[in-house]
């Protein structure tokens, strides 16, 4: 994989991480605001898993971006 393809891959990963950031934040907020409509215990684990996936994805994108720029 050349540098241009790796850079495009890093931007795609960071874009996906941004989407996950918005969705997981919304799910957590929805879980705490609507305790009577949808049970908290169903939405809260989904939000926590989403936050963990967001952190992993963003760090993976940043690591890929750094490896493109600094040739590691």
PDB file of N, CA and C in Angstrom:
ATOM      1  N   UNK A   1       0.846  -1.168   0.000  1.00  0.00           N
ATOM      2  CA  UNK A   1       0.000   0.000   0.000  1.00  0.00           C
ATOM      3  C   UNK A   1       0.899   1.241   0.000  1.00  0.00           C
ATOM      4  N   UNK A   2       0.659   2.136  -0.936  1.00  0.00           N
ATOM      5  CA  UNK A   2       1.474   3.349  -0.971  1.00  0.00           C
ATOM      6  C   UNK A   2       0.911   4.400  -0.009  1.00  0.00           C
ATOM      7  N   UNK A   3       1.601   5.539   0.048  1.00  0.00           N
ATOM      8  CA  UNK A   3       1.229   6.556   1.044  1.00  0.00           C
ATOM      9  C   UNK A   3      -0.147   7.164   0.779  1.00  0.00           C
ATOM     10  N   UNK A   4      -0.465   7.355  -0.494  1.00  0.00           N
ATOM     11  CA  UNK A   4      -1.756   7.959  -0.810  1.00  0.00           C
ATOM     12  C   UNK A   4      -2.906   7.049  -0.385  1.00  0.00           C
ATOM     13  N   UNK A   5      -2.784   5.766  -0.651  1.00  0.00           N
ATOM     14  CA  UNK A   5      -3.826   4.821  -0.248  1.00  0.00           C
ATOM     15  C   UNK A   5      -3.924   4.719   1.271  1.00  0.00           C
ATOM     16  N   UNK A   6      -2.776   4.747   1.940  1.00  0.00           N
ATOM     17  CA  UNK A   6      -2.788   4.685   3.403  1.00  0.00           C
ATOM     18  C   UNK A   6      -3.413   5.944   4.000  1.00  0.00           C
ATOM     19  N   UNK A   7      -3.165   7.089   3.384  1.00  0.00           N
ATOM     20  CA  UNK A   7      -3.758   8.335   3.855  1.00  0.00           C
ATOM     21  C   UNK A   7      -5.275   8.317   3.664  1.00  0.00           C
ATOM     22  N   UNK A   8      -5.724   7.810   2.534  1.00  0.00           N
ATOM     23  CA  UNK A   8      -7.165   7.690   2.293  1.00  0.00           C
ATOM     24  C   UNK A   8      -7.788   6.728   3.299  1.00  0.00           C
ATOM     25  N   UNK A   9      -7.097   5.632   3.578  1.00  0.00           N
ATOM     26  CA  UNK A   9      -7.573   4.660   4.576  1.00  0.00           C
ATOM     27  C   UNK A   9      -7.689   5.316   5.953  1.00  0.00           C
ATOM     28  N   UNK A  10      -6.698   6.121   6.332  1.00  0.00           N
ATOM     29  CA  UNK A  10      -6.720   6.788   7.636  1.00  0.00           C
ATOM     30  C   UNK A  10      -7.876   7.772   7.731  1.00  0.00           C
ATOM     31  N   UNK A  11      -8.134   8.512   6.657  1.00  0.00           N
ATOM     32  CA  UNK A  11      -9.235   9.473   6.667  1.00  0.00           C
ATOM     33  C   UNK A  11     -10.578   8.746   6.750  1.00  0.00           C
ATOM     34  N   UNK A  12     -10.703   7.605   6.073  1.00  0.00           N
ATOM     35  CA  UNK A  12     -11.935   6.817   6.161  1.00  0.00           C
ATOM     36  C   UNK A  12     -12.157   6.298   7.578  1.00  0.00           C
ATOM     37  N   UNK A  13     -11.091   5.829   8.208  1.00  0.00           N
ATOM     38  CA  UNK A  13     -11.202   5.327   9.583  1.00  0.00           C
ATOM     39  C   UNK A  13     -11.599   6.455  10.529  1.00  0.00           C
ATOM     40  N   UNK A  14     -10.993   7.630  10.356  1.00  0.00           N
ATOM     41  CA  UNK A  14     -11.336   8.766  11.211  1.00  0.00           C
ATOM     42  C   UNK A  14     -12.772   9.232  10.964  1.00  0.00           C
ATOM     43  N   UNK A  15     -13.222   9.182   9.723  1.00  0.00           N
ATOM     44  CA  UNK A  15     -14.607   9.538   9.419  1.00  0.00           C
ATOM     45  C   UNK A  15     -15.593   8.577  10.059  1.00  0.00           C
ATOM     46  N   UNK A  16     -15.279   7.286  10.007  1.00  0.00           N
ATOM     47  CA  UNK A  16     -16.125   6.285  10.660  1.00  0.00           C
ATOM     48  C   UNK A  16     -16.123   6.486  12.171  1.00  0.00           C
ATOM     49  N   UNK A  17     -14.965   6.854  12.721  1.00  0.00           N
ATOM     50  CA  UNK A  17     -14.879   7.129  14.153  1.00  0.00           C
ATOM     51  C   UNK A  17     -15.725   8.328  14.552  1.00  0.00           C
ATOM     52  N   UNK A  18     -15.778   9.330  13.687  1.00  0.00           N
ATOM     53  CA  UNK A  18     -16.605  10.502  13.961  1.00  0.00           C
ATOM     54  C   UNK A  18     -18.088  10.142  13.956  1.00  0.00           C
ATOM     55  N   UNK A  19     -18.489   9.301  13.017  1.00  0.00           N
ATOM     56  CA  UNK A  19     -19.883   8.842  12.980  1.00  0.00           C
ATOM     57  C   UNK A  19     -20.211   8.037  14.240  1.00  0.00           C
ATOM     58  N   UNK A  20     -19.297   7.153  14.642  1.00  0.00           N
ATOM     59  CA  UNK A  20     -19.507   6.382  15.873  1.00  0.00           C
ATOM     60  C   UNK A  20     -19.588   7.292  17.094  1.00  0.00           C
ATOM     61  N   UNK A  21     -18.791   8.344  17.111  1.00  0.00           N
ATOM     62  CA  UNK A  21     -18.806   9.288  18.229  1.00  0.00           C
ATOM     63  C   UNK A  21     -20.181   9.931  18.377  1.00  0.00           C
ATOM     64  N   UNK A  22     -20.758  10.344  17.282  1.00  0.00           N
ATOM     65  CA  UNK A  22     -22.070  10.989  17.326  1.00  0.00           C
ATOM     66  C   UNK A  22     -23.153   9.985  17.722  1.00  0.00           C
ATOM     67  N   UNK A  23     -23.116   8.802  17.128  1.00  0.00           N
ATOM     68  CA  UNK A  23     -24.158   7.808  17.401  1.00  0.00           C
ATOM     69  C   UNK A  23     -24.082   7.298  18.839  1.00  0.00           C
ATOM     70  N   UNK A  24     -22.876   6.999  19.325  1.00  0.00           N
ATOM     71  CA  UNK A  24     -22.764   6.464  20.685  1.00  0.00           C
ATOM     72  C   UNK A  24     -23.139   7.515  21.730  1.00  0.00           C
ATOM     73  N   UNK A  25     -22.825   8.771  21.473  1.00  0.00           N
ATOM     74  CA  UNK A  25     -23.235   9.836  22.389  1.00  0.00           C
ATOM     75  C   UNK A  25     -24.755   9.953  22.422  1.00  0.00           C
ATOM     76  N   UNK A  26     -25.378   9.860  21.261  1.00  0.00           N
ATOM     77  CA  UNK A  26     -26.837   9.924  21.199  1.00  0.00           C
ATOM     78  C   UNK A  26     -27.476   8.744  21.925  1.00  0.00           C
ATOM     79  N   UNK A  27     -26.928   7.555  21.751  1.00  0.00           N
ATOM     80  CA  UNK A  27     -27.496   6.366  22.402  1.00  0.00           C
ATOM     81  C   UNK A  27     -27.389   6.484  23.919  1.00  0.00           C
ATOM     82  N   UNK A  28     -26.244   6.951  24.415  1.00  0.00           N
ATOM     83  CA  UNK A  28     -26.103   7.130  25.866  1.00  0.00           C
ATOM     84  C   UNK A  28     -27.078   8.181  26.391  1.00  0.00           C
ATOM     85  N   UNK A  29     -27.206   9.289  25.673  1.00  0.00           N
ATOM     86  CA  UNK A  29     -28.130  10.334  26.086  1.00  0.00           C
ATOM     87  C   UNK A  29     -29.571   9.818  26.057  1.00  0.00           C
ATOM     88  N   UNK A  30     -29.912   9.071  25.030  1.00  0.00           N
ATOM     89  CA  UNK A  30     -31.251   8.498  24.904  1.00  0.00           C
ATOM     90  C   UNK A  30     -31.543   7.512  26.025  1.00  0.00           C
ATOM     91  N   UNK A  31     -30.536   6.748  26.417  1.00  0.00           N
ATOM     92  CA  UNK A  31     -30.723   5.760  27.481  1.00  0.00           C
ATOM     93  C   UNK A  31     -31.026   6.434  28.813  1.00  0.00           C
ATOM     94  N   UNK A  32     -30.381   7.544  29.095  1.00  0.00           N
ATOM     95  CA  UNK A  32     -30.592   8.196  30.384  1.00  0.00           C
ATOM     96  C   UNK A  32     -31.823   9.099  30.396  1.00  0.00           C
ATOM     97  N   UNK A  33     -32.231   9.620  29.244  1.00  0.00           N
ATOM     98  CA  UNK A  33     -33.397  10.498  29.226  1.00  0.00           C
ATOM     99  C   UNK A  33     -34.714   9.723  29.209  1.00  0.00           C
ATOM    100  N   UNK A  34     -34.764   8.595  28.544  1.00  0.00           N
ATOM    101  CA  UNK A  34     -36.013   7.843  28.390  1.00  0.00           C
ATOM    102  C   UNK A  34     -35.982   6.570  29.221  1.00  0.00           C
ATOM    103  N   UNK A  35     -35.977   6.727  30.517  1.00  0.00           N
ATOM    104  CA  UNK A  35     -35.907   5.559  31.402  1.00  0.00           C
ATOM    105  C   UNK A  35     -37.218   4.783  31.427  1.00  0.00           C
ATOM    106  N   UNK A  36     -38.330   5.432  31.123  1.00  0.00           N
ATOM    107  CA  UNK A  36     -39.624   4.755  31.192  1.00  0.00           C
ATOM    108  C   UNK A  36     -40.041   4.127  29.866  1.00  0.00           C
ATOM    109  N   UNK A  37     -39.603   4.687  28.750  1.00  0.00           N
ATOM    110  CA  UNK A  37     -40.043   4.188  27.441  1.00  0.00           C
ATOM    111  C   UNK A  37     -39.258   2.941  27.047  1.00  0.00           C
ATOM    112  N   UNK A  38     -37.959   3.058  26.974  1.00  0.00           N
ATOM    113  CA  UNK A  38     -37.092   1.916  26.663  1.00  0.00           C
ATOM    114  C   UNK A  38     -36.234   1.677  27.895  1.00  0.00           C
ATOM    115  N   UNK A  39     -36.154   0.434  28.345  1.00  0.00           N
ATOM    116  CA  UNK A  39     -35.383   0.167  29.568  1.00  0.00           C
ATOM    117  C   UNK A  39     -33.924   0.604  29.444  1.00  0.00           C
ATOM    118  N   UNK A  40     -33.447   1.173  30.513  1.00  0.00           N
ATOM    119  CA  UNK A  40     -32.077   1.666  30.577  1.00  0.00           C
ATOM    120  C   UNK A  40     -31.079   0.539  30.375  1.00  0.00           C
ATOM    121  N   UNK A  41     -31.425  -0.641  30.840  1.00  0.00           N
ATOM    122  CA  UNK A  41     -30.480  -1.756  30.801  1.00  0.00           C
ATOM    123  C   UNK A  41     -30.297  -2.342  29.404  1.00  0.00           C
ATOM    124  N   UNK A  42     -31.143  -1.969  28.458  1.00  0.00           N
ATOM    125  CA  UNK A  42     -30.954  -2.410  27.077  1.00  0.00           C
ATOM    126  C   UNK A  42     -30.116  -1.420  26.273  1.00  0.00           C
ATOM    127  N   UNK A  43     -30.315  -0.128  26.514  1.00  0.00           N
ATOM    128  CA  UNK A  43     -29.612   0.889  25.730  1.00  0.00           C
ATOM    129  C   UNK A  43     -28.242   1.230  26.301  1.00  0.00           C
ATOM    130  N   UNK A  44     -28.090   1.132  27.611  1.00  0.00           N
ATOM    131  CA  UNK A  44     -26.825   1.505  28.238  1.00  0.00           C
ATOM    132  C   UNK A  44     -25.656   0.634  27.785  1.00  0.00           C
ATOM    133  N   UNK A  45     -25.778  -0.697  27.730  1.00  0.00           N
ATOM    134  CA  UNK A  45     -24.645  -1.492  27.220  1.00  0.00           C
ATOM    135  C   UNK A  45     -24.305  -1.183  25.765  1.00  0.00           C
ATOM    136  N   UNK A  46     -25.331  -0.897  24.953  1.00  0.00           N
ATOM    137  CA  UNK A  46     -25.058  -0.524  23.563  1.00  0.00           C
ATOM    138  C   UNK A  46     -24.272   0.778  23.487  1.00  0.00           C
ATOM    139  N   UNK A  47     -24.611   1.726  24.336  1.00  0.00           N
ATOM    140  CA  UNK A  47     -23.886   2.989  24.368  1.00  0.00           C
ATOM    141  C   UNK A  47     -22.458   2.823  24.844  1.00  0.00           C
ATOM    142  N   UNK A  48     -22.256   1.989  25.853  1.00  0.00           N
ATOM    143  CA  UNK A  48     -20.904   1.760  26.374  1.00  0.00           C
ATOM    144  C   UNK A  48     -20.044   1.039  25.343  1.00  0.00           C
ATOM    145  N   UNK A  49     -20.619   0.052  24.662  1.00  0.00           N
ATOM    146  CA  UNK A  49     -19.878  -0.637  23.597  1.00  0.00           C
ATOM    147  C   UNK A  49     -19.569   0.336  22.461  1.00  0.00           C
ATOM    148  N   UNK A  50     -20.502   1.211  22.156  1.00  0.00           N
ATOM    149  CA  UNK A  50     -20.274   2.220  21.120  1.00  0.00           C
ATOM    150  C   UNK A  50     -19.159   3.179  21.477  1.00  0.00           C
ATOM    151  N   UNK A  51     -19.094   3.584  22.736  1.00  0.00           N
ATOM    152  CA  UNK A  51     -18.020   4.480  23.173  1.00  0.00           C
ATOM    153  C   UNK A  51     -16.668   3.775  23.092  1.00  0.00           C
ATOM    154  N   UNK A  52     -16.625   2.511  23.508  1.00  0.00           N
ATOM    155  CA  UNK A  52     -15.369   1.752  23.416  1.00  0.00           C
ATOM    156  C   UNK A  52     -14.939   1.589  21.958  1.00  0.00           C
ATOM    157  N   UNK A  53     -15.890   1.308  21.079  1.00  0.00           N
ATOM    158  CA  UNK A  53     -15.567   1.180  19.654  1.00  0.00           C
ATOM    159  C   UNK A  53     -15.111   2.510  19.072  1.00  0.00           C
ATOM    160  N   UNK A  54     -15.692   3.606  19.546  1.00  0.00           N
ATOM    161  CA  UNK A  54     -15.284   4.928  19.087  1.00  0.00           C
ATOM    162  C   UNK A  54     -13.847   5.221  19.475  1.00  0.00           C
ATOM    163  N   UNK A  55     -13.504   4.957  20.724  1.00  0.00           N
ATOM    164  CA  UNK A  55     -12.139   5.208  21.190  1.00  0.00           C
ATOM    165  C   UNK A  55     -11.144   4.371  20.400  1.00  0.00           C
ATOM    166  N   UNK A  56     -11.457   3.092  20.203  1.00  0.00           N
ATOM    167  CA  UNK A  56     -10.554   2.212  19.447  1.00  0.00           C
ATOM    168  C   UNK A  56     -10.395   2.693  18.001  1.00  0.00           C
ATOM    169  N   UNK A  57     -11.515   3.049  17.370  1.00  0.00           N
ATOM    170  CA  UNK A  57     -11.471   3.457  15.969  1.00  0.00           C
ATOM    171  C   UNK A  57     -10.705   4.762  15.790  1.00  0.00           C
ATOM    172  N   UNK A  58     -10.921   5.725  16.667  1.00  0.00           N
ATOM    173  CA  UNK A  58     -10.213   6.996  16.538  1.00  0.00           C
ATOM    174  C   UNK A  58      -8.715   6.831  16.774  1.00  0.00           C
ATOM    175  N   UNK A  59      -8.335   6.044  17.765  1.00  0.00           N
ATOM    176  CA  UNK A  59      -6.906   5.818  17.982  1.00  0.00           C
ATOM    177  C   UNK A  59      -6.277   5.049  16.825  1.00  0.00           C
ATOM    178  N   UNK A  60      -7.030   4.117  16.246  1.00  0.00           N
ATOM    179  CA  UNK A  60      -6.514   3.378  15.085  1.00  0.00           C
ATOM    180  C   UNK A  60      -6.312   4.314  13.893  1.00  0.00           C
ATOM    181  N   UNK A  61      -7.252   5.228  13.680  1.00  0.00           N
ATOM    182  CA  UNK A  61      -7.121   6.198  12.594  1.00  0.00           C
ATOM    183  C   UNK A  61      -5.957   7.145  12.805  1.00  0.00           C
ATOM    184  N   UNK A  62      -5.775   7.600  14.041  1.00  0.00           N
ATOM    185  CA  UNK A  62      -4.652   8.491  14.343  1.00  0.00           C
ATOM    186  C   UNK A  62      -3.334   7.759  14.177  1.00  0.00           C
ATOM    187  N   UNK A  63      -3.275   6.495  14.602  1.00  0.00           N
ATOM    188  CA  UNK A  63      -2.052   5.708  14.447  1.00  0.00           C
ATOM    189  C   UNK A  63      -1.708   5.506  12.969  1.00  0.00           C
ATOM    190  N   UNK A  64      -2.720   5.244  12.154  1.00  0.00           N
ATOM    191  CA  UNK A  64      -2.493   5.085  10.719  1.00  0.00           C
ATOM    192  C   UNK A  64      -2.016   6.389  10.098  1.00  0.00           C
ATOM    193  N   UNK A  65      -2.610   7.495  10.504  1.00  0.00           N
ATOM    194  CA  UNK A  65      -2.219   8.803   9.991  1.00  0.00           C
ATOM    195  C   UNK A  65      -0.786   9.142  10.370  1.00  0.00           C
ATOM    196  N   UNK A  66      -0.399   8.868  11.597  1.00  0.00           N
ATOM    197  CA  UNK A  66       0.969   9.141  12.046  1.00  0.00           C
ATOM    198  C   UNK A  66       1.962   8.254  11.309  1.00  0.00           C
ATOM    199  N   UNK A  67       1.595   7.004  11.072  1.00  0.00           N
ATOM    200  CA  UNK A  67       2.516   6.114  10.360  1.00  0.00           C
ATOM    201  C   UNK A  67       2.692   6.542   8.908  1.00  0.00           C
ATOM    202  N   UNK A  68       1.675   7.165   8.315  1.00  0.00           N
ATOM    203  CA  UNK A  68       1.816   7.675   6.948  1.00  0.00           C
ATOM    204  C   UNK A  68       2.769   8.864   6.929  1.00  0.00           C
ATOM    205  N   UNK A  69       2.616   9.765   7.865  1.00  0.00           N
ATOM    206  CA  UNK A  69       3.426  10.981   7.847  1.00  0.00           C
ATOM    207  C   UNK A  69       4.858  10.763   8.303  1.00  0.00           C
ATOM    208  N   UNK A  70       5.074   9.841   9.225  1.00  0.00           N
ATOM    209  CA  UNK A  70       6.410   9.676   9.783  1.00  0.00           C
ATOM    210  C   UNK A  70       7.106   8.391   9.364  1.00  0.00           C
ATOM    211  N   UNK A  71       6.522   7.636   8.419  1.00  0.00           N
ATOM    212  CA  UNK A  71       7.160   6.443   7.849  1.00  0.00           C
ATOM    213  C   UNK A  71       7.563   5.414   8.888  1.00  0.00           C
ATOM    214  N   UNK A  72       6.640   5.016   9.702  1.00  0.00           N
ATOM    215  CA  UNK A  72       6.966   4.015  10.724  1.00  0.00           C
ATOM    216  C   UNK A  72       6.555   2.652  10.261  1.00  0.00           C
TER     217      UNK A  72
END
